Protein backbone atom coordinates (compact mmCIF):
# COMPACT_ATOMS: atom_id res chain seq x y z
CA MET A 1 90.80 112.93 109.11
CA ARG A 2 94.53 112.46 109.94
CA VAL A 3 96.13 110.05 107.39
CA LEU A 4 99.60 108.43 107.59
CA LEU A 5 101.29 106.99 104.70
CA VAL A 6 104.20 104.44 105.50
CA HIS A 7 107.26 103.56 103.22
CA PRO A 8 108.38 100.40 105.02
CA PRO A 9 111.70 99.43 105.84
CA PHE A 10 113.51 96.93 103.17
CA THR A 11 114.48 93.47 103.50
CA ILE A 12 117.61 92.28 101.10
CA PHE A 13 120.06 89.49 100.76
CA LYS A 14 123.22 90.34 102.36
CA THR A 15 125.21 90.30 98.97
CA GLU A 16 122.66 92.89 97.33
CA PRO A 17 123.40 96.78 97.39
CA LYS A 18 121.18 99.17 99.44
CA ARG A 19 118.93 101.40 97.42
CA CYS A 20 116.64 104.16 98.43
CA HIS A 21 114.08 105.73 96.00
CA PRO A 22 111.57 108.32 96.65
CA PRO A 23 108.23 106.99 97.51
CA LEU A 24 106.44 108.52 94.39
CA GLY A 25 103.20 106.61 95.00
CA LEU A 26 102.96 107.88 98.29
CA ALA A 27 103.52 111.16 97.27
CA TYR A 28 101.00 111.34 94.44
CA LEU A 29 98.41 109.87 97.10
CA ALA A 30 99.40 112.45 99.77
CA ALA A 31 98.86 115.18 97.08
CA VAL A 32 95.40 114.27 95.99
CA LEU A 33 94.38 113.64 99.99
CA LYS A 34 96.06 116.64 101.34
CA ARG A 35 92.66 118.58 99.70
CA HIS A 36 90.74 117.57 102.31
CA HIS A 37 92.78 115.68 104.90
CA GLU A 38 95.77 116.25 107.28
CA VAL A 39 98.45 114.00 105.63
CA PHE A 40 101.88 112.57 106.95
CA VAL A 41 104.41 110.74 105.15
CA LEU A 42 106.69 108.35 107.07
CA ASP A 43 109.60 107.30 104.78
CA ALA A 44 110.97 104.82 107.39
CA LEU A 45 113.65 103.44 104.48
CA ALA A 46 115.04 106.96 103.92
CA GLU A 47 115.12 108.17 107.89
CA GLY A 48 116.61 104.87 109.11
CA TYR A 49 118.81 104.07 105.91
CA GLY A 50 122.31 103.79 108.09
CA LYS A 51 120.06 101.34 110.50
CA ASN A 52 120.71 97.19 109.69
CA GLU A 53 119.15 94.55 111.19
CA PHE A 54 120.64 91.09 110.42
CA ILE A 55 118.03 88.43 109.75
CA GLY A 56 119.07 84.77 109.64
CA ARG A 57 122.49 84.36 107.93
CA GLU A 58 121.39 85.54 104.38
CA PHE A 59 119.32 88.65 104.85
CA ILE A 60 119.22 92.38 106.28
CA ARG A 61 116.49 94.91 106.80
CA TYR A 62 117.48 98.38 106.60
CA GLY A 63 115.35 101.50 107.61
CA LEU A 64 113.72 102.55 110.86
CA PRO A 65 113.26 99.59 113.53
CA PHE A 66 109.74 98.75 113.70
CA VAL A 67 109.67 100.13 117.25
CA ASP A 68 110.46 103.53 116.17
CA ILE A 69 107.91 103.20 113.44
CA LYS A 70 105.30 102.20 116.20
CA ARG A 71 106.51 105.41 118.23
CA LYS A 72 105.90 107.64 115.08
CA ILE A 73 102.42 106.32 114.68
CA GLU A 74 101.54 106.90 118.25
CA TYR A 75 102.84 110.30 118.22
CA ILE A 76 100.80 111.22 115.01
CA LYS A 77 97.81 109.71 116.12
CA PRO A 78 96.29 109.00 112.73
CA ASP A 79 92.71 107.82 111.91
CA ILE A 80 93.91 105.49 109.10
CA VAL A 81 97.67 104.11 108.16
CA GLY A 82 98.36 103.42 104.63
CA ILE A 83 101.41 101.27 103.90
CA SER A 84 103.31 100.87 100.69
CA CYS A 85 104.32 97.11 99.40
CA LEU A 86 105.57 97.35 95.87
CA PHE A 87 107.07 93.66 96.01
CA SER A 88 105.41 90.69 97.67
CA ALA A 89 108.65 89.70 98.94
CA GLN A 90 108.53 92.85 101.39
CA PHE A 91 105.36 91.84 102.72
CA GLU A 92 106.35 90.65 106.27
CA ASN A 93 107.55 94.16 106.85
CA VAL A 94 104.15 95.55 105.93
CA VAL A 95 102.65 92.68 108.46
CA ASN A 96 104.94 93.91 111.05
CA ILE A 97 104.10 97.76 111.00
């Protein structure tokens, strides 16, 4: 089975500093899953760290744009996709993926 684990882009207030941490939870899952599956990790936050999308007057989303994430998913052709959502405030980004 081909498994894709995604660390999505992040939405913050414009006044907040941008941060990028390794998705350790996804890395742990990938380490266990790779014993029996073909595993890919897409860190959309790190890969698109320099890309900002303004959302309204107060927020920005940084990370790979959703259209780029879609292209990567289509290229990998996974059987299953897992998406990390550490904070409920980021749920909309998960739903968009």
